[in-house]
PDB file of all heavy atoms in Angstrom:
ATOM      1  N   ASN A   1     240.427 -62.580-146.131  1.00  0.00           N
ATOM      2  CA  ASN A   1     239.273 -61.807-145.512  1.00  0.00           C
ATOM      3  C   ASN A   1     237.991 -62.589-145.863  1.00  0.00           C
ATOM      4  O   ASN A   1     237.744 -62.671-147.051  1.00  0.00           O
ATOM      5  CB  ASN A   1     239.254 -60.450-145.864  1.00  0.00           C
ATOM      6  CG  ASN A   1     240.459 -59.637-145.378  1.00  0.00           C
ATOM      7  OD1 ASN A   1     240.577 -59.493-144.169  1.00  0.00           O
ATOM      8  ND2 ASN A   1     241.228 -59.118-146.327  1.00  0.00           N
ATOM      9  N   ILE A   2     237.249 -62.987-144.882  1.00  0.00           N
ATOM     10  CA  ILE A   2     236.108 -63.873-145.209  1.00  0.00           C
ATOM     11  C   ILE A   2     234.875 -63.159-144.645  1.00  0.00           C
ATOM     12  O   ILE A   2     234.714 -63.022-143.400  1.00  0.00           O
ATOM     13  CB  ILE A   2     236.263 -65.290-144.602  1.00  0.00           C
ATOM     14  CG1 ILE A   2     237.548 -65.901-145.199  1.00  0.00           C
ATOM     15  CG2 ILE A   2     235.037 -66.150-144.767  1.00  0.00           C
ATOM     16  CD1 ILE A   2     237.835 -67.283-144.567  1.00  0.00           C
ATOM     17  N   ILE A   3     233.847 -63.033-145.539  1.00  0.00           N
ATOM     18  CA  ILE A   3     232.529 -62.475-145.127  1.00  0.00           C
ATOM     19  C   ILE A   3     231.806 -63.485-144.308  1.00  0.00           C
ATOM     20  O   ILE A   3     231.656 -64.647-144.766  1.00  0.00           O
ATOM     21  CB  ILE A   3     231.647 -62.173-146.385  1.00  0.00           C
ATOM     22  CG1 ILE A   3     232.345 -60.974-147.147  1.00  0.00           C
ATOM     23  CG2 ILE A   3     230.264 -61.746-145.916  1.00  0.00           C
ATOM     24  CD1 ILE A   3     232.302 -59.683-146.562  1.00  0.00           C
ATOM     25  N   ARG A   4     231.315 -63.050-143.146  1.00  0.00           N
ATOM     26  CA  ARG A   4     230.408 -63.997-142.373  1.00  0.00           C
ATOM     27  C   ARG A   4     229.227 -63.286-141.842  1.00  0.00           C
ATOM     28  O   ARG A   4     228.256 -63.050-142.468  1.00  0.00           O
ATOM     29  CB  ARG A   4     231.251 -64.604-141.248  1.00  0.00           C
ATOM     30  CG  ARG A   4     232.246 -65.609-141.576  1.00  0.00           C
ATOM     31  CD  ARG A   4     231.713 -66.696-142.716  1.00  0.00           C
ATOM     32  NE  ARG A   4     230.511 -67.258-142.281  1.00  0.00           N
ATOM     33  CZ  ARG A   4     229.429 -67.477-143.137  1.00  0.00           C
ATOM     34  NH1 ARG A   4     229.642 -67.082-144.384  1.00  0.00           N
ATOM     35  NH2 ARG A   4     228.386 -68.059-142.764  1.00  0.00           N
ATOM     36  N   SER A   5     229.203 -62.755-140.646  1.00  0.00           N
ATOM     37  CA  SER A   5     228.008 -62.350-139.972  1.00  0.00           C
ATOM     38  C   SER A   5     227.690 -60.772-140.212  1.00  0.00           C
ATOM     39  O   SER A   5     227.453 -60.084-139.327  1.00  0.00           O
ATOM     40  CB  SER A   5     228.090 -62.498-138.460  1.00  0.00           C
ATOM     41  OG  SER A   5     228.540 -63.834-138.137  1.00  0.00           O
ATOM     42  N   VAL A   6     227.619 -60.512-141.498  1.00  0.00           N
ATOM     43  CA  VAL A   6     227.367 -59.083-141.907  1.00  0.00           C
ATOM     44  C   VAL A   6     225.852 -58.830-142.051  1.00  0.00           C
ATOM     45  O   VAL A   6     225.361 -58.347-143.087  1.00  0.00           O
ATOM     46  CB  VAL A   6     228.167 -58.699-143.148  1.00  0.00           C
ATOM     47  CG1 VAL A   6     229.638 -58.635-142.852  1.00  0.00           C
ATOM     48  CG2 VAL A   6     227.776 -59.667-144.361  1.00  0.00           C
ATOM     49  N   ARG A   7     225.039 -59.045-140.914  1.00  0.00           N
ATOM     50  CA  ARG A   7     223.699 -59.004-141.021  1.00  0.00           C
ATOM     51  C   ARG A   7     223.004 -57.654-141.467  1.00  0.00           C
ATOM     52  O   ARG A   7     221.918 -57.589-141.811  1.00  0.00           O
ATOM     53  CB  ARG A   7     222.971 -59.535-139.747  1.00  0.00           C
ATOM     54  CG  ARG A   7     223.466 -60.922-139.332  1.00  0.00           C
ATOM     55  CD  ARG A   7     222.849 -62.052-140.073  1.00  0.00           C
ATOM     56  NE  ARG A   7     223.163 -63.246-139.550  1.00  0.00           N
ATOM     57  CZ  ARG A   7     224.073 -64.126-139.978  1.00  0.00           C
ATOM     58  NH1 ARG A   7     224.887 -63.775-141.030  1.00  0.00           N
ATOM     59  NH2 ARG A   7     224.326 -65.269-139.417  1.00  0.00           N
ATOM     60  N   ASP A   8     223.872 -56.621-141.231  1.00  0.00           N
ATOM     61  CA  ASP A   8     223.270 -55.202-141.470  1.00  0.00           C
ATOM     62  C   ASP A   8     223.619 -54.750-142.882  1.00  0.00           C
ATOM     63  O   ASP A   8     223.252 -53.608-143.164  1.00  0.00           O
ATOM     64  CB  ASP A   8     223.884 -54.255-140.446  1.00  0.00           C
ATOM     65  CG  ASP A   8     225.430 -54.128-140.504  1.00  0.00           C
ATOM     66  OD1 ASP A   8     226.025 -55.095-141.168  1.00  0.00           O
ATOM     67  OD2 ASP A   8     225.983 -53.250-139.869  1.00  0.00           O
ATOM     68  N   TYR A   9     224.081 -55.573-143.770  1.00  0.00           N
ATOM     69  CA  TYR A   9     224.458 -54.985-145.070  1.00  0.00           C
ATOM     70  C   TYR A   9     223.359 -54.526-145.984  1.00  0.00           C
ATOM     71  O   TYR A   9     223.536 -53.642-146.736  1.00  0.00           O
ATOM     72  CB  TYR A   9     225.295 -56.084-145.795  1.00  0.00           C
ATOM     73  CG  TYR A   9     224.531 -57.035-146.631  1.00  0.00           C
ATOM     74  CD1 TYR A   9     224.036 -56.858-147.868  1.00  0.00           C
ATOM     75  CD2 TYR A   9     224.132 -58.328-145.960  1.00  0.00           C
ATOM     76  CE1 TYR A   9     223.163 -57.782-148.480  1.00  0.00           C
ATOM     77  CE2 TYR A   9     223.360 -59.250-146.709  1.00  0.00           C
ATOM     78  CZ  TYR A   9     222.881 -58.957-147.896  1.00  0.00           C
ATOM     79  OH  TYR A   9     222.095 -59.867-148.586  1.00  0.00           O
ATOM     80  N   ALA A  10     222.195 -55.201-145.816  1.00  0.00           N
ATOM     81  CA  ALA A  10     221.081 -54.851-146.674  1.00  0.00           C
ATOM     82  C   ALA A  10     220.601 -53.397-146.582  1.00  0.00           C
ATOM     83  O   ALA A  10     220.355 -52.752-147.523  1.00  0.00           O
ATOM     84  CB  ALA A  10     219.932 -55.751-146.360  1.00  0.00           C
ATOM     85  N   GLY A  11     220.570 -52.939-145.318  1.00  0.00           N
ATOM     86  CA  GLY A  11     220.202 -51.472-145.156  1.00  0.00           C
ATOM     87  C   GLY A  11     221.245 -50.431-145.585  1.00  0.00           C
ATOM     88  O   GLY A  11     221.008 -49.227-145.604  1.00  0.00           O
ATOM     89  N   ARG A  12     222.536 -50.921-145.851  1.00  0.00           N
ATOM     90  CA  ARG A  12     223.554 -50.100-146.230  1.00  0.00           C
ATOM     91  C   ARG A  12     224.321 -50.723-147.380  1.00  0.00           C
ATOM     92  O   ARG A  12     225.537 -50.683-147.568  1.00  0.00           O
ATOM     93  CB  ARG A  12     224.563 -49.901-145.082  1.00  0.00           C
ATOM     94  CG  ARG A  12     223.896 -49.420-143.756  1.00  0.00           C
ATOM     95  CD  ARG A  12     224.755 -49.639-142.534  1.00  0.00           C
ATOM     96  NE  ARG A  12     226.034 -48.981-142.615  1.00  0.00           N
ATOM     97  CZ  ARG A  12     227.009 -49.218-141.710  1.00  0.00           C
ATOM     98  NH1 ARG A  12     226.800 -50.087-140.742  1.00  0.00           N
ATOM     99  NH2 ARG A  12     228.145 -48.485-141.767  1.00  0.00           N
ATOM    100  N   ARG A  13     223.556 -51.180-148.330  1.00  0.00           N
ATOM    101  CA  ARG A  13     224.158 -52.004-149.409  1.00  0.00           C
ATOM    102  C   ARG A  13     225.233 -51.265-150.290  1.00  0.00           C
ATOM    103  O   ARG A  13     226.284 -51.817-150.501  1.00  0.00           O
ATOM    104  CB  ARG A  13     223.059 -52.536-150.407  1.00  0.00           C
ATOM    105  CG  ARG A  13     223.586 -53.453-151.525  1.00  0.00           C
ATOM    106  CD  ARG A  13     222.484 -54.102-152.297  1.00  0.00           C
ATOM    107  NE  ARG A  13     222.943 -54.946-153.391  1.00  0.00           N
ATOM    108  CZ  ARG A  13     223.004 -54.481-154.662  1.00  0.00           C
ATOM    109  NH1 ARG A  13     222.601 -53.302-154.968  1.00  0.00           N
ATOM    110  NH2 ARG A  13     223.461 -55.280-155.588  1.00  0.00           N
ATOM    111  N   ASP A  14     224.931 -50.065-150.661  1.00  0.00           N
ATOM    112  CA  ASP A  14     225.863 -49.281-151.447  1.00  0.00           C
ATOM    113  C   ASP A  14     227.239 -49.095-150.717  1.00  0.00           C
ATOM    114  O   ASP A  14     228.331 -49.282-151.270  1.00  0.00           O
ATOM    115  CB  ASP A  14     225.316 -47.982-151.888  1.00  0.00           C
ATOM    116  CG  ASP A  14     224.193 -48.102-152.887  1.00  0.00           C
ATOM    117  OD1 ASP A  14     224.034 -49.261-153.510  1.00  0.00           O
ATOM    118  OD2 ASP A  14     223.425 -47.100-153.105  1.00  0.00           O
ATOM    119  N   GLU A  15     227.089 -48.758-149.329  1.00  0.00           N
ATOM    120  CA  GLU A  15     228.247 -48.578-148.595  1.00  0.00           C
ATOM    121  C   GLU A  15     229.048 -49.821-148.411  1.00  0.00           C
ATOM    122  O   GLU A  15     230.199 -49.975-148.502  1.00  0.00           O
ATOM    123  CB  GLU A  15     227.783 -48.019-147.229  1.00  0.00           C
ATOM    124  CG  GLU A  15     229.009 -47.741-146.271  1.00  0.00           C
ATOM    125  CD  GLU A  15     228.483 -47.283-144.870  1.00  0.00           C
ATOM    126  OE1 GLU A  15     227.302 -47.124-144.735  1.00  0.00           O
ATOM    127  OE2 GLU A  15     229.345 -47.238-144.007  1.00  0.00           O
ATOM    128  N   PHE A  16     228.311 -50.941-148.205  1.00  0.00           N
ATOM    129  CA  PHE A  16     228.892 -52.182-148.027  1.00  0.00           C
ATOM    130  C   PHE A  16     229.665 -52.685-149.225  1.00  0.00           C
ATOM    131  O   PHE A  16     230.771 -53.133-149.150  1.00  0.00           O
ATOM    132  CB  PHE A  16     227.806 -53.268-147.626  1.00  0.00           C
ATOM    133  CG  PHE A  16     228.287 -54.744-147.558  1.00  0.00           C
ATOM    134  CD1 PHE A  16     229.076 -55.114-146.551  1.00  0.00           C
ATOM    135  CD2 PHE A  16     227.875 -55.598-148.603  1.00  0.00           C
ATOM    136  CE1 PHE A  16     229.531 -56.447-146.529  1.00  0.00           C
ATOM    137  CE2 PHE A  16     228.376 -56.931-148.507  1.00  0.00           C
ATOM    138  CZ  PHE A  16     229.142 -57.357-147.487  1.00  0.00           C
ATOM    139  N   LEU A  17     229.053 -52.496-150.431  1.00  0.00           N
ATOM    140  CA  LEU A  17     229.612 -52.932-151.623  1.00  0.00           C
ATOM    141  C   LEU A  17     230.849 -52.096-151.984  1.00  0.00           C
ATOM    142  O   LEU A  17     231.954 -52.529-152.422  1.00  0.00           O
ATOM    143  CB  LEU A  17     228.676 -52.944-152.788  1.00  0.00           C
ATOM    144  CG  LEU A  17     227.575 -53.967-152.731  1.00  0.00           C
ATOM    145  CD1 LEU A  17     226.621 -53.815-153.874  1.00  0.00           C
ATOM    146  CD2 LEU A  17     228.052 -55.341-152.706  1.00  0.00           C
ATOM    147  N   ALA A  18     230.801 -50.861-151.647  1.00  0.00           N
ATOM    148  CA  ALA A  18     232.027 -49.926-151.906  1.00  0.00           C
ATOM    149  C   ALA A  18     233.133 -50.336-151.010  1.00  0.00           C
ATOM    150  O   ALA A  18     234.307 -50.479-151.500  1.00  0.00           O
ATOM    151  CB  ALA A  18     231.664 -48.527-151.511  1.00  0.00           C
ATOM    152  N   TRP A  19     232.769 -50.772-149.716  1.00  0.00           N
ATOM    153  CA  TRP A  19     233.813 -51.297-148.869  1.00  0.00           C
ATOM    154  C   TRP A  19     234.428 -52.608-149.374  1.00  0.00           C
ATOM    155  O   TRP A  19     235.645 -52.828-149.449  1.00  0.00           O
ATOM    156  CB  TRP A  19     233.179 -51.514-147.414  1.00  0.00           C
ATOM    157  CG  TRP A  19     234.025 -52.380-146.599  1.00  0.00           C
ATOM    158  CD1 TRP A  19     235.140 -52.050-145.864  1.00  0.00           C
ATOM    159  CD2 TRP A  19     233.943 -53.777-146.407  1.00  0.00           C
ATOM    160  NE1 TRP A  19     235.645 -53.125-145.272  1.00  0.00           N
ATOM    161  CE2 TRP A  19     235.019 -54.239-145.625  1.00  0.00           C
ATOM    162  CE3 TRP A  19     232.948 -54.726-146.896  1.00  0.00           C
ATOM    163  CZ2 TRP A  19     235.029 -55.565-145.165  1.00  0.00           C
ATOM    164  CZ3 TRP A  19     233.104 -56.013-146.570  1.00  0.00           C
ATOM    165  CH2 TRP A  19     234.142 -56.515-145.763  1.00  0.00           C
ATOM    166  N   ALA A  20     233.531 -53.437-149.851  1.00  0.00           N
ATOM    167  CA  ALA A  20     233.952 -54.818-150.271  1.00  0.00           C
ATOM    168  C   ALA A  20     234.986 -54.661-151.463  1.00  0.00           C
ATOM    169  O   ALA A  20     235.885 -55.465-151.484  1.00  0.00           O
ATOM    170  CB  ALA A  20     232.790 -55.613-150.684  1.00  0.00           C
ATOM    171  N   ARG A  21     234.652 -53.667-152.356  1.00  0.00           N
ATOM    172  CA  ARG A  21     235.561 -53.514-153.512  1.00  0.00           C
ATOM    173  C   ARG A  21     236.959 -53.057-153.114  1.00  0.00           C
ATOM    174  O   ARG A  21     237.912 -53.160-153.888  1.00  0.00           O
ATOM    175  CB  ARG A  21     234.910 -52.634-154.559  1.00  0.00           C
ATOM    176  CG  ARG A  21     233.679 -53.284-155.257  1.00  0.00           C
ATOM    177  CD  ARG A  21     233.239 -52.408-156.409  1.00  0.00           C
ATOM    178  NE  ARG A  21     232.502 -51.268-155.898  1.00  0.00           N
ATOM    179  CZ  ARG A  21     231.157 -51.220-155.720  1.00  0.00           C
ATOM    180  NH1 ARG A  21     230.460 -52.389-156.087  1.00  0.00           N
ATOM    181  NH2 ARG A  21     230.557 -50.113-155.302  1.00  0.00           N
ATOM    182  N   SER A  22     237.060 -52.473-151.943  1.00  0.00           N
ATOM    183  CA  SER A  22     238.380 -51.860-151.438  1.00  0.00           C
ATOM    184  C   SER A  22     239.203 -52.958-150.758  1.00  0.00           C
ATOM    185  O   SER A  22     240.354 -52.670-150.283  1.00  0.00           O
ATOM    186  CB  SER A  22     238.123 -50.746-150.639  1.00  0.00           C
ATOM    187  OG  SER A  22     237.566 -51.122-149.218  1.00  0.00           O
ATOM    188  N   VAL A  23     238.635 -54.133-150.395  1.00  0.00           N
ATOM    189  CA  VAL A  23     239.207 -55.129-149.527  1.00  0.00           C
ATOM    190  C   VAL A  23     239.995 -56.168-150.369  1.00  0.00           C
ATOM    191  O   VAL A  23     239.333 -56.872-151.252  1.00  0.00           O
ATOM    192  CB  VAL A  23     238.177 -55.803-148.577  1.00  0.00           C
ATOM    193  CG1 VAL A  23     238.862 -56.853-147.691  1.00  0.00           C
ATOM    194  CG2 VAL A  23     237.510 -54.824-147.693  1.00  0.00           C
ATOM    195  N   PRO A  24     241.272 -56.377-150.066  1.00  0.00           N
ATOM    196  CA  PRO A  24     242.043 -57.419-150.899  1.00  0.00           C
ATOM    197  C   PRO A  24     241.652 -58.827-150.294  1.00  0.00           C
ATOM    198  O   PRO A  24     241.347 -58.976-149.203  1.00  0.00           O
ATOM    199  CB  PRO A  24     243.489 -57.052-150.584  1.00  0.00           C
ATOM    200  CG  PRO A  24     243.463 -56.376-149.289  1.00  0.00           C
ATOM    201  CD  PRO A  24     242.160 -55.585-149.174  1.00  0.00           C
ATOM    202  N   ARG A  25     241.883 -59.784-151.226  1.00  0.00           N
ATOM    203  CA  ARG A  25     241.683 -61.132-150.925  1.00  0.00           C
ATOM    204  C   ARG A  25     240.400 -61.402-150.128  1.00  0.00           C
ATOM    205  O   ARG A  25     240.441 -62.115-149.116  1.00  0.00           O
ATOM    206  CB  ARG A  25     242.907 -61.623-150.075  1.00  0.00           C
ATOM    207  CG  ARG A  25     244.227 -61.491-150.862  1.00  0.00           C
ATOM    208  CD  ARG A  25     245.416 -61.798-150.020  1.00  0.00           C
ATOM    209  NE  ARG A  25     245.616 -60.934-148.920  1.00  0.00           N
ATOM    210  CZ  ARG A  25     246.293 -59.747-149.092  1.00  0.00           C
ATOM    211  NH1 ARG A  25     246.692 -59.234-150.337  1.00  0.00           N
ATOM    212  NH2 ARG A  25     246.398 -58.958-148.045  1.00  0.00           N
ATOM    213  N   LEU A  26     239.301 -60.895-150.582  1.00  0.00           N
ATOM    214  CA  LEU A  26     237.995 -61.065-149.997  1.00  0.00           C
ATOM    215  C   LEU A  26     237.254 -62.236-150.581  1.00  0.00           C
ATOM    216  O   LEU A  26     237.154 -62.460-151.750  1.00  0.00           O
ATOM    217  CB  LEU A  26     237.186 -59.862-150.152  1.00  0.00           C
ATOM    218  CG  LEU A  26     235.794 -59.782-149.545  1.00  0.00           C
ATOM    219  CD1 LEU A  26     235.964 -59.687-148.000  1.00  0.00           C
ATOM    220  CD2 LEU A  26     235.035 -58.547-150.023  1.00  0.00           C
ATOM    221  N   LEU A  27     236.618 -63.062-149.675  1.00  0.00           N
ATOM    222  CA  LEU A  27     235.741 -64.182-150.099  1.00  0.00           C
ATOM    223  C   LEU A  27     234.512 -64.195-149.286  1.00  0.00           C
ATOM    224  O   LEU A  27     234.550 -63.911-148.074  1.00  0.00           O
ATOM    225  CB  LEU A  27     236.548 -65.540-149.918  1.00  0.00           C
ATOM    226  CG  LEU A  27     237.778 -65.806-150.672  1.00  0.00           C
ATOM    227  CD1 LEU A  27     238.458 -67.074-150.260  1.00  0.00           C
ATOM    228  CD2 LEU A  27     237.529 -65.839-152.176  1.00  0.00           C
ATOM    229  N   ASN A  28     233.376 -64.322-149.910  1.00  0.00           N
ATOM    230  CA  ASN A  28     233.330 -64.426-151.373  1.00  0.00           C
ATOM    231  C   ASN A  28     233.707 -63.137-152.017  1.00  0.00           C
ATOM    232  O   ASN A  28     233.822 -62.092-151.399  1.00  0.00           O
ATOM    233  CB  ASN A  28     231.955 -64.881-151.917  1.00  0.00           C
ATOM    234  CG  ASN A  28     231.670 -66.399-151.587  1.00  0.00           C
ATOM    235  OD1 ASN A  28     232.657 -67.205-151.822  1.00  0.00           O
ATOM    236  ND2 ASN A  28     230.469 -66.800-151.174  1.00  0.00           N
ATOM    237  N   GLN A  29     233.904 -63.149-153.387  1.00  0.00           N
ATOM    238  CA  GLN A  29     234.497 -61.915-154.008  1.00  0.00           C
ATOM    239  C   GLN A  29     233.388 -60.790-154.097  1.00  0.00           C
ATOM    240  O   GLN A  29     232.212 -61.054-154.205  1.00  0.00           O
ATOM    241  CB  GLN A  29     234.915 -62.265-155.421  1.00  0.00           C
ATOM    242  CG  GLN A  29     236.149 -63.367-155.327  1.00  0.00           C
ATOM    243  CD  GLN A  29     236.446 -63.937-156.707  1.00  0.00           C
ATOM    244  OE1 GLN A  29     235.943 -63.493-157.746  1.00  0.00           O
ATOM    245  NE2 GLN A  29     237.256 -64.956-156.683  1.00  0.00           N
ATOM    246  N   PRO A  30     233.917 -59.552-154.209  1.00  0.00           N
ATOM    247  CA  PRO A  30     232.976 -58.401-154.231  1.00  0.00           C
ATOM    248  C   PRO A  30     232.010 -58.535-155.416  1.00  0.00           C
ATOM    249  O   PRO A  30     230.775 -58.101-155.257  1.00  0.00           O
ATOM    250  CB  PRO A  30     233.926 -57.105-154.523  1.00  0.00           C
ATOM    251  CG  PRO A  30     235.227 -57.574-153.966  1.00  0.00           C
ATOM    252  CD  PRO A  30     235.230 -59.099-154.104  1.00  0.00           C
ATOM    253  N   GLU A  31     232.297 -58.928-156.572  1.00  0.00           N
ATOM    254  CA  GLU A  31     231.416 -59.009-157.703  1.00  0.00           C
ATOM    255  C   GLU A  31     230.318 -59.914-157.388  1.00  0.00           C
ATOM    256  O   GLU A  31     229.108 -59.851-157.729  1.00  0.00           O
ATOM    257  CB  GLU A  31     232.105 -59.364-158.927  1.00  0.00           C
ATOM    258  CG  GLU A  31     233.129 -58.323-159.473  1.00  0.00           C
ATOM    259  CD  GLU A  31     234.506 -58.613-158.903  1.00  0.00           C
ATOM    260  OE1 GLU A  31     234.580 -59.519-157.947  1.00  0.00           O
ATOM    261  OE2 GLU A  31     235.542 -58.041-159.343  1.00  0.00           O
ATOM    262  N   GLN A  32     230.640 -61.086-156.731  1.00  0.00           N
ATOM    263  CA  GLN A  32     229.672 -62.049-156.355  1.00  0.00           C
ATOM    264  C   GLN A  32     228.680 -61.612-155.273  1.00  0.00           C
ATOM    265  O   GLN A  32     227.473 -61.884-155.292  1.00  0.00           O
ATOM    266  CB  GLN A  32     230.344 -63.251-155.869  1.00  0.00           C
ATOM    267  CG  GLN A  32     231.223 -64.004-156.851  1.00  0.00           C
ATOM    268  CD  GLN A  32     232.181 -64.937-156.393  1.00  0.00           C
ATOM    269  OE1 GLN A  32     232.629 -64.973-155.202  1.00  0.00           O
ATOM    270  NE2 GLN A  32     232.804 -65.814-157.259  1.00  0.00           N
TER     271      GLN A  32
END
């Protein structure tokens, strides 16, 4: 799973990061 055009993440950062931590094999990685 590859992060690309997630232009709206800044306005929903907490929600976005919570989602990222739930996604397997995500690049770049959630901590990054």
